[in-house]
Amino acid sequence: MKKMLVLTMVLVFMCALSIGVFAEEPAGDAVNPELKAELKEMRAELQGLRTEHKDLHLQVVEKRTDIKETIKDIKESGSLEILDTIQPYREELKAIREELKTLREAKKELWTEIKSAKEVKDFETIKDKLAQVIEYKGQIIEKVEDKIVLLDSIIDALE
């Protein structure tokens, strides 16, 4: 009886091993090494853009804080006519915010498409969409730089 049990176990293990040996190679291993290298470079470029954007965002936050403090001081001093001089800048800031919102939404849609392409291992599509994301990120950085210039103008107008 023990020999039959051992023999059955050996047969089961042999079947399991043979299934593993004859299994197909996953499709992901067939990716072109040059394409992988390009995707890696693109991800590195995107990471650099993210770092640059974070630095710019910190500048925006700092300048907004300065503006809020200055406006608070102006309101306490009672000279509210100075606040009227910054109204055109505020309109420009609203326009930039809308443009940034549009760019961010488009970039978000691209990331969704990249995730879908990743599931089916369509690396050419991933490469194309990633290039578009990098382009949008560059445009976002340009708009944030424009925003910083406007915030500097507001600070100058308030002083």
N, C-alpha and C. Protein backbone atom coordinates (compact mmCIF):
# COMPACT_ATOMS: atom_id res chain seq x y z
N MET A 1 0.81 -1.19 0.00
CA MET A 1 0.00 0.00 0.00
C MET A 1 0.86 1.26 0.00
N LYS A 2 1.92 1.28 0.81
CA LYS A 2 2.80 2.44 0.85
C LYS A 2 3.49 2.64 -0.49
N LYS A 3 3.84 1.53 -1.15
CA LYS A 3 4.52 1.65 -2.44
C LYS A 3 3.60 2.26 -3.48
N MET A 4 2.32 1.93 -3.45
CA MET A 4 1.36 2.51 -4.38
C MET A 4 1.20 4.01 -4.15
N LEU A 5 1.18 4.40 -2.88
CA LEU A 5 1.07 5.82 -2.53
C LEU A 5 2.30 6.57 -3.01
N VAL A 6 3.48 6.01 -2.80
CA VAL A 6 4.72 6.65 -3.22
C VAL A 6 4.75 6.72 -4.74
N LEU A 7 4.37 5.65 -5.40
CA LEU A 7 4.36 5.62 -6.86
C LEU A 7 3.39 6.65 -7.43
N THR A 8 2.23 6.80 -6.83
CA THR A 8 1.25 7.79 -7.25
C THR A 8 1.81 9.20 -7.08
N MET A 9 2.45 9.45 -5.96
CA MET A 9 3.04 10.78 -5.69
C MET A 9 4.13 11.09 -6.72
N VAL A 10 4.94 10.11 -7.05
CA VAL A 10 6.01 10.31 -8.03
C VAL A 10 5.41 10.65 -9.39
N LEU A 11 4.37 9.97 -9.78
CA LEU A 11 3.72 10.24 -11.06
C LEU A 11 3.13 11.66 -11.10
N VAL A 12 2.52 12.07 -10.00
CA VAL A 12 1.94 13.42 -9.93
C VAL A 12 3.04 14.47 -10.06
N PHE A 13 4.15 14.29 -9.38
CA PHE A 13 5.24 15.26 -9.46
C PHE A 13 5.84 15.30 -10.85
N MET A 14 5.95 14.14 -11.50
CA MET A 14 6.51 14.09 -12.86
C MET A 14 5.59 14.82 -13.84
N CYS A 15 4.30 14.63 -13.68
CA CYS A 15 3.35 15.34 -14.54
C CYS A 15 3.44 16.83 -14.32
N ALA A 16 3.54 17.25 -13.07
CA ALA A 16 3.65 18.67 -12.76
C ALA A 16 4.91 19.27 -13.34
N LEU A 17 6.01 18.55 -13.24
CA LEU A 17 7.27 19.04 -13.80
C LEU A 17 7.22 19.12 -15.31
N SER A 18 6.59 18.14 -15.95
CA SER A 18 6.53 18.16 -17.41
C SER A 18 5.66 19.31 -17.91
N ILE A 19 4.63 19.66 -17.18
CA ILE A 19 3.80 20.80 -17.56
C ILE A 19 4.62 22.08 -17.48
N GLY A 20 5.40 22.23 -16.44
CA GLY A 20 6.25 23.41 -16.28
C GLY A 20 7.31 23.51 -17.35
N VAL A 21 7.86 22.40 -17.78
CA VAL A 21 8.91 22.40 -18.79
C VAL A 21 8.35 22.78 -20.16
N PHE A 22 7.17 22.30 -20.49
CA PHE A 22 6.60 22.54 -21.81
C PHE A 22 5.74 23.80 -21.88
N ALA A 23 5.71 24.57 -20.83
CA ALA A 23 4.91 25.80 -20.83
C ALA A 23 5.52 26.80 -21.81
N GLU A 24 4.68 27.64 -22.38
CA GLU A 24 5.15 28.64 -23.33
C GLU A 24 5.88 29.76 -22.61
N GLU A 25 6.78 30.39 -23.33
CA GLU A 25 7.49 31.56 -22.80
C GLU A 25 6.52 32.73 -22.78
N PRO A 26 6.56 33.57 -21.75
CA PRO A 26 5.68 34.74 -21.74
C PRO A 26 6.05 35.72 -22.85
N ALA A 27 5.02 36.41 -23.36
CA ALA A 27 5.23 37.33 -24.48
C ALA A 27 6.10 38.52 -24.09
N GLY A 28 6.16 38.88 -22.82
CA GLY A 28 6.92 40.04 -22.38
C GLY A 28 8.41 39.88 -22.57
N ASP A 29 8.91 38.66 -22.67
CA ASP A 29 10.34 38.45 -22.84
C ASP A 29 10.79 38.75 -24.26
N ALA A 30 9.85 38.88 -25.18
CA ALA A 30 10.18 39.10 -26.58
C ALA A 30 10.32 40.59 -26.92
N VAL A 31 10.44 41.44 -25.91
CA VAL A 31 10.54 42.88 -26.15
C VAL A 31 11.92 43.20 -26.70
N ASN A 32 11.92 44.04 -27.69
CA ASN A 32 13.15 44.49 -28.31
C ASN A 32 14.01 45.21 -27.27
N PRO A 33 15.28 44.82 -27.11
CA PRO A 33 16.14 45.48 -26.11
C PRO A 33 16.34 46.97 -26.39
N GLU A 34 16.35 47.35 -27.68
CA GLU A 34 16.49 48.77 -28.02
C GLU A 34 15.28 49.56 -27.55
N LEU A 35 14.09 48.95 -27.71
CA LEU A 35 12.86 49.60 -27.27
C LEU A 35 12.85 49.74 -25.75
N LYS A 36 13.32 48.71 -25.07
CA LYS A 36 13.41 48.78 -23.60
C LYS A 36 14.34 49.92 -23.18
N ALA A 37 15.46 50.06 -23.88
CA ALA A 37 16.41 51.12 -23.55
C ALA A 37 15.78 52.50 -23.78
N GLU A 38 15.04 52.63 -24.90
CA GLU A 38 14.36 53.91 -25.18
C GLU A 38 13.34 54.23 -24.10
N LEU A 39 12.56 53.23 -23.70
CA LEU A 39 11.55 53.45 -22.65
C LEU A 39 12.21 53.85 -21.33
N LYS A 40 13.35 53.23 -21.05
CA LYS A 40 14.07 53.56 -19.81
C LYS A 40 14.56 55.01 -19.85
N GLU A 41 15.08 55.44 -21.01
CA GLU A 41 15.53 56.83 -21.16
C GLU A 41 14.37 57.80 -21.01
N MET A 42 13.23 57.42 -21.61
CA MET A 42 12.06 58.29 -21.53
C MET A 42 11.58 58.41 -20.09
N ARG A 43 11.60 57.31 -19.35
CA ARG A 43 11.19 57.37 -17.95
C ARG A 43 12.15 58.24 -17.14
N ALA A 44 13.44 58.16 -17.46
CA ALA A 44 14.42 59.00 -16.76
C ALA A 44 14.18 60.48 -17.08
N GLU A 45 13.89 60.78 -18.34
CA GLU A 45 13.58 62.15 -18.73
C GLU A 45 12.34 62.65 -18.01
N LEU A 46 11.33 61.80 -17.94
CA LEU A 46 10.09 62.17 -17.25
C LEU A 46 10.35 62.42 -15.76
N GLN A 47 11.21 61.62 -15.16
CA GLN A 47 11.54 61.82 -13.75
C GLN A 47 12.24 63.15 -13.54
N GLY A 48 13.12 63.52 -14.48
CA GLY A 48 13.78 64.82 -14.41
C GLY A 48 12.77 65.96 -14.51
N LEU A 49 11.79 65.81 -15.39
CA LEU A 49 10.75 66.83 -15.52
C LEU A 49 9.91 66.91 -14.25
N ARG A 50 9.64 65.78 -13.63
CA ARG A 50 8.88 65.78 -12.38
C ARG A 50 9.62 66.54 -11.29
N THR A 51 10.93 66.32 -11.21
CA THR A 51 11.74 67.01 -10.21
C THR A 51 11.73 68.51 -10.46
N GLU A 52 11.89 68.89 -11.72
CA GLU A 52 11.85 70.31 -12.07
C GLU A 52 10.50 70.92 -11.71
N HIS A 53 9.42 70.19 -12.00
CA HIS A 53 8.08 70.69 -11.70
C HIS A 53 7.87 70.85 -10.19
N LYS A 54 8.37 69.91 -9.41
CA LYS A 54 8.24 70.01 -7.95
C LYS A 54 8.95 71.24 -7.43
N ASP A 55 10.16 71.51 -7.97
CA ASP A 55 10.90 72.70 -7.54
C ASP A 55 10.13 73.98 -7.88
N LEU A 56 9.56 74.02 -9.09
CA LEU A 56 8.78 75.19 -9.50
C LEU A 56 7.53 75.34 -8.63
N HIS A 57 6.91 74.22 -8.31
CA HIS A 57 5.71 74.27 -7.47
C HIS A 57 6.03 74.84 -6.09
N LEU A 58 7.17 74.47 -5.55
CA LEU A 58 7.57 75.04 -4.25
C LEU A 58 7.74 76.54 -4.33
N GLN A 59 8.28 77.02 -5.46
CA GLN A 59 8.41 78.47 -5.64
C GLN A 59 7.04 79.13 -5.70
N VAL A 60 6.11 78.50 -6.40
CA VAL A 60 4.75 79.05 -6.50
C VAL A 60 4.12 79.14 -5.12
N VAL A 61 4.25 78.09 -4.33
CA VAL A 61 3.66 78.09 -2.99
C VAL A 61 4.26 79.19 -2.13
N GLU A 62 5.57 79.36 -2.23
CA GLU A 62 6.26 80.40 -1.45
C GLU A 62 5.77 81.79 -1.86
N LYS A 63 5.66 82.02 -3.15
CA LYS A 63 5.23 83.34 -3.63
C LYS A 63 3.77 83.61 -3.28
N ARG A 64 2.92 82.58 -3.38
CA ARG A 64 1.52 82.76 -2.99
C ARG A 64 1.41 83.12 -1.51
N THR A 65 2.21 82.48 -0.68
CA THR A 65 2.21 82.78 0.75
C THR A 65 2.63 84.23 0.98
N ASP A 66 3.67 84.67 0.27
CA ASP A 66 4.11 86.06 0.40
C ASP A 66 3.01 87.02 -0.02
N ILE A 67 2.32 86.71 -1.11
CA ILE A 67 1.25 87.59 -1.60
C ILE A 67 0.11 87.64 -0.59
N LYS A 68 -0.27 86.50 -0.04
CA LYS A 68 -1.36 86.47 0.94
C LYS A 68 -1.01 87.30 2.17
N GLU A 69 0.22 87.20 2.63
CA GLU A 69 0.65 87.99 3.80
C GLU A 69 0.63 89.48 3.48
N THR A 70 1.10 89.83 2.29
CA THR A 70 1.13 91.24 1.88
C THR A 70 -0.29 91.79 1.77
N ILE A 71 -1.19 91.01 1.18
CA ILE A 71 -2.59 91.45 1.05
C ILE A 71 -3.21 91.62 2.43
N LYS A 72 -2.90 90.73 3.34
CA LYS A 72 -3.43 90.84 4.71
C LYS A 72 -2.94 92.13 5.35
N ASP A 73 -1.65 92.44 5.17
CA ASP A 73 -1.09 93.68 5.73
C ASP A 73 -1.74 94.91 5.10
N ILE A 74 -1.98 94.84 3.79
CA ILE A 74 -2.60 95.97 3.09
C ILE A 74 -4.02 96.20 3.60
N LYS A 75 -4.75 95.11 3.80
CA LYS A 75 -6.12 95.25 4.30
C LYS A 75 -6.14 95.83 5.70
N GLU A 76 -5.17 95.44 6.53
CA GLU A 76 -5.10 95.98 7.89
C GLU A 76 -4.73 97.46 7.89
N SER A 77 -3.91 97.87 6.91
CA SER A 77 -3.51 99.28 6.85
C SER A 77 -4.61 100.15 6.24
N GLY A 78 -5.54 99.54 5.50
CA GLY A 78 -6.66 100.30 4.98
C GLY A 78 -6.47 100.85 3.57
N SER A 79 -5.33 100.63 2.95
CA SER A 79 -5.11 101.16 1.59
C SER A 79 -5.50 100.10 0.55
N LEU A 80 -6.82 99.95 0.38
CA LEU A 80 -7.36 98.91 -0.50
C LEU A 80 -7.23 99.23 -1.98
N GLU A 81 -6.96 100.50 -2.33
CA GLU A 81 -6.85 100.86 -3.75
C GLU A 81 -5.66 100.17 -4.42
N ILE A 82 -4.68 99.76 -3.64
CA ILE A 82 -3.53 99.03 -4.20
C ILE A 82 -3.97 97.67 -4.74
N LEU A 83 -4.97 97.09 -4.10
CA LEU A 83 -5.44 95.77 -4.52
C LEU A 83 -6.07 95.81 -5.92
N ASP A 84 -6.59 96.99 -6.31
CA ASP A 84 -7.17 97.11 -7.65
C ASP A 84 -6.11 96.99 -8.75
N THR A 85 -4.88 97.33 -8.43
CA THR A 85 -3.81 97.28 -9.43
C THR A 85 -3.43 95.85 -9.82
N ILE A 86 -3.75 94.88 -8.97
CA ILE A 86 -3.37 93.50 -9.28
C ILE A 86 -4.46 92.71 -10.00
N GLN A 87 -5.62 93.34 -10.22
CA GLN A 87 -6.73 92.63 -10.85
C GLN A 87 -6.39 92.06 -12.24
N PRO A 88 -5.70 92.80 -13.10
CA PRO A 88 -5.34 92.22 -14.42
C PRO A 88 -4.46 90.97 -14.29
N TYR A 89 -3.57 91.00 -13.31
CA TYR A 89 -2.72 89.83 -13.08
C TYR A 89 -3.54 88.62 -12.64
N ARG A 90 -4.53 88.89 -11.83
CA ARG A 90 -5.38 87.80 -11.35
C ARG A 90 -6.14 87.15 -12.51
N GLU A 91 -6.57 87.96 -13.46
CA GLU A 91 -7.26 87.41 -14.63
C GLU A 91 -6.31 86.53 -15.45
N GLU A 92 -5.07 86.97 -15.60
CA GLU A 92 -4.09 86.18 -16.32
C GLU A 92 -3.80 84.86 -15.58
N LEU A 93 -3.75 84.93 -14.25
CA LEU A 93 -3.53 83.72 -13.46
C LEU A 93 -4.68 82.72 -13.64
N LYS A 94 -5.90 83.23 -13.71
CA LYS A 94 -7.05 82.35 -13.94
C LYS A 94 -6.93 81.65 -15.29
N ALA A 95 -6.50 82.38 -16.30
CA ALA A 95 -6.34 81.79 -17.63
C ALA A 95 -5.26 80.71 -17.61
N ILE A 96 -4.17 80.98 -16.93
CA ILE A 96 -3.10 79.98 -16.82
C ILE A 96 -3.59 78.75 -16.08
N ARG A 97 -4.37 78.96 -15.02
CA ARG A 97 -4.92 77.82 -14.26
C ARG A 97 -5.79 76.94 -15.14
N GLU A 98 -6.60 77.56 -15.99
CA GLU A 98 -7.46 76.80 -16.90
C GLU A 98 -6.63 76.00 -17.91
N GLU A 99 -5.59 76.64 -18.44
CA GLU A 99 -4.71 75.94 -19.38
C GLU A 99 -4.01 74.76 -18.70
N LEU A 100 -3.55 74.98 -17.47
CA LEU A 100 -2.91 73.89 -16.72
C LEU A 100 -3.88 72.75 -16.46
N LYS A 101 -5.11 73.10 -16.15
CA LYS A 101 -6.13 72.07 -15.91
C LYS A 101 -6.35 71.22 -17.15
N THR A 102 -6.44 71.87 -18.30
CA THR A 102 -6.64 71.16 -19.57
C THR A 102 -5.46 70.24 -19.87
N LEU A 103 -4.24 70.76 -19.68
CA LEU A 103 -3.05 69.95 -19.94
C LEU A 103 -2.98 68.76 -18.99
N ARG A 104 -3.30 68.97 -17.74
CA ARG A 104 -3.25 67.86 -16.75
C ARG A 104 -4.30 66.79 -17.07
N GLU A 105 -5.48 67.21 -17.51
CA GLU A 105 -6.51 66.23 -17.87
C GLU A 105 -6.07 65.40 -19.08
N ALA A 106 -5.47 66.07 -20.07
CA ALA A 106 -4.99 65.34 -21.25
C ALA A 106 -3.88 64.36 -20.87
N LYS A 107 -3.02 64.80 -19.97
CA LYS A 107 -1.93 63.93 -19.51
C LYS A 107 -2.48 62.74 -18.74
N LYS A 108 -3.50 62.96 -17.95
CA LYS A 108 -4.13 61.88 -17.20
C LYS A 108 -4.75 60.84 -18.14
N GLU A 109 -5.38 61.31 -19.21
CA GLU A 109 -5.95 60.40 -20.20
C GLU A 109 -4.86 59.56 -20.86
N LEU A 110 -3.72 60.19 -21.14
CA LEU A 110 -2.61 59.44 -21.73
C LEU A 110 -2.11 58.35 -20.80
N TRP A 111 -2.05 58.65 -19.51
CA TRP A 111 -1.60 57.63 -18.55
C TRP A 111 -2.58 56.46 -18.53
N THR A 112 -3.86 56.73 -18.67
CA THR A 112 -4.84 55.65 -18.73
C THR A 112 -4.60 54.79 -19.97
N GLU A 113 -4.31 55.44 -21.09
CA GLU A 113 -4.02 54.69 -22.32
C GLU A 113 -2.73 53.88 -22.18
N ILE A 114 -1.75 54.44 -21.49
CA ILE A 114 -0.49 53.72 -21.27
C ILE A 114 -0.74 52.47 -20.43
N LYS A 115 -1.57 52.59 -19.41
CA LYS A 115 -1.88 51.43 -18.57
C LYS A 115 -2.59 50.35 -19.37
N SER A 116 -3.49 50.75 -20.25
CA SER A 116 -4.19 49.78 -21.09
C SER A 116 -3.21 49.09 -22.05
N ALA A 117 -2.31 49.86 -22.63
CA ALA A 117 -1.32 49.28 -23.54
C ALA A 117 -0.35 48.36 -22.80
N LYS A 118 -0.10 48.70 -21.55
CA LYS A 118 0.80 47.88 -20.73
C LYS A 118 0.19 46.50 -20.47
N GLU A 119 -1.11 46.46 -20.29
CA GLU A 119 -1.80 45.19 -20.03
C GLU A 119 -1.69 44.24 -21.22
N VAL A 120 -1.72 44.79 -22.44
CA VAL A 120 -1.62 43.94 -23.63
C VAL A 120 -0.19 43.90 -24.18
N LYS A 121 0.72 44.50 -23.44
CA LYS A 121 2.15 44.51 -23.78
C LYS A 121 2.42 45.11 -25.16
N ASP A 122 1.74 46.22 -25.45
CA ASP A 122 1.93 46.96 -26.69
C ASP A 122 2.95 48.07 -26.42
N PHE A 123 4.22 47.74 -26.54
CA PHE A 123 5.28 48.64 -26.12
C PHE A 123 5.49 49.81 -27.09
N GLU A 124 5.13 49.64 -28.34
CA GLU A 124 5.22 50.77 -29.29
C GLU A 124 4.22 51.86 -28.90
N THR A 125 3.01 51.44 -28.55
CA THR A 125 2.00 52.41 -28.12
C THR A 125 2.45 53.08 -26.83
N ILE A 126 3.00 52.31 -25.93
CA ILE A 126 3.50 52.88 -24.66
C ILE A 126 4.55 53.94 -24.97
N LYS A 127 5.45 53.63 -25.88
CA LYS A 127 6.51 54.59 -26.24
C LYS A 127 5.91 55.88 -26.80
N ASP A 128 4.94 55.74 -27.73
CA ASP A 128 4.32 56.92 -28.33
C ASP A 128 3.58 57.76 -27.28
N LYS A 129 2.82 57.10 -26.43
CA LYS A 129 2.04 57.82 -25.41
C LYS A 129 2.96 58.46 -24.38
N LEU A 130 4.05 57.77 -24.05
CA LEU A 130 5.00 58.33 -23.09
C LEU A 130 5.67 59.58 -23.65
N ALA A 131 5.94 59.58 -24.95
CA ALA A 131 6.49 60.77 -25.60
C ALA A 131 5.51 61.94 -25.49
N GLN A 132 4.22 61.65 -25.66
CA GLN A 132 3.20 62.70 -25.52
C GLN A 132 3.12 63.20 -24.08
N VAL A 133 3.23 62.28 -23.12
CA VAL A 133 3.21 62.69 -21.71
C VAL A 133 4.37 63.63 -21.43
N ILE A 134 5.55 63.29 -21.96
CA ILE A 134 6.73 64.14 -21.75
C ILE A 134 6.48 65.52 -22.36
N GLU A 135 5.87 65.55 -23.53
CA GLU A 135 5.56 66.84 -24.18
C GLU A 135 4.59 67.66 -23.32
N TYR A 136 3.53 67.01 -22.83
CA TYR A 136 2.58 67.71 -21.97
C TYR A 136 3.25 68.20 -20.68
N LYS A 137 4.10 67.39 -20.11
CA LYS A 137 4.79 67.78 -18.88
C LYS A 137 5.66 69.01 -19.13
N GLY A 138 6.31 69.06 -20.29
CA GLY A 138 7.10 70.23 -20.65
C GLY A 138 6.24 71.48 -20.79
N GLN A 139 5.05 71.31 -21.39
CA GLN A 139 4.13 72.45 -21.53
C GLN A 139 3.63 72.90 -20.16
N ILE A 140 3.38 71.95 -19.27
CA ILE A 140 2.94 72.30 -17.92
C ILE A 140 4.02 73.10 -17.21
N ILE A 141 5.26 72.68 -17.35
CA ILE A 141 6.37 73.40 -16.71
C ILE A 141 6.46 74.82 -17.26
N GLU A 142 6.28 74.99 -18.58
CA GLU A 142 6.30 76.34 -19.17
C GLU A 142 5.20 77.22 -18.57
N LYS A 143 4.01 76.64 -18.40
CA LYS A 143 2.90 77.41 -17.83
C LYS A 143 3.18 77.77 -16.37
N VAL A 144 3.77 76.86 -15.63
CA VAL A 144 4.10 77.15 -14.23
C VAL A 144 5.16 78.25 -14.17
N GLU A 145 6.10 78.24 -15.10
CA GLU A 145 7.10 79.31 -15.14
C GLU A 145 6.43 80.65 -15.45
N ASP A 146 5.44 80.64 -16.36
CA ASP A 146 4.67 81.86 -16.64
C ASP A 146 3.94 82.33 -15.39
N LYS A 147 3.42 81.38 -14.65
CA LYS A 147 2.71 81.69 -13.41
C LYS A 147 3.65 82.35 -12.40
N ILE A 148 4.87 81.85 -12.31
CA ILE A 148 5.85 82.43 -11.39
C ILE A 148 6.16 83.87 -11.78
N VAL A 149 6.29 84.13 -13.07
CA VAL A 149 6.55 85.51 -13.53
C VAL A 149 5.39 86.42 -13.13
N LEU A 150 4.16 85.94 -13.30
CA LEU A 150 2.99 86.74 -12.91
C LEU A 150 2.95 86.98 -11.40
N LEU A 151 3.27 85.96 -10.65
CA LEU A 151 3.29 86.13 -9.18
C LEU A 151 4.35 87.14 -8.77
N ASP A 152 5.51 87.12 -9.45
CA ASP A 152 6.53 88.12 -9.17
C ASP A 152 6.01 89.53 -9.50
N SER A 153 5.27 89.64 -10.59
CA SER A 153 4.68 90.94 -10.97
C SER A 153 3.68 91.43 -9.92
N ILE A 154 2.90 90.50 -9.39
CA ILE A 154 1.94 90.86 -8.35
C ILE A 154 2.67 91.33 -7.10
N ILE A 155 3.72 90.62 -6.72
CA ILE A 155 4.51 91.01 -5.54
C ILE A 155 5.09 92.42 -5.74
N ASP A 156 5.62 92.69 -6.95
CA ASP A 156 6.17 94.01 -7.23
C ASP A 156 5.09 95.09 -7.18
N ALA A 157 3.90 94.76 -7.70
CA ALA A 157 2.80 95.74 -7.72
C ALA A 157 2.31 96.04 -6.30
N LEU A 158 2.38 95.07 -5.43
CA LEU A 158 1.89 95.26 -4.07
C LEU A 158 2.89 96.00 -3.18
N GLU A 159 4.14 96.02 -3.57
CA GLU A 159 5.15 96.68 -2.72
C GLU A 159 5.33 98.10 -3.04
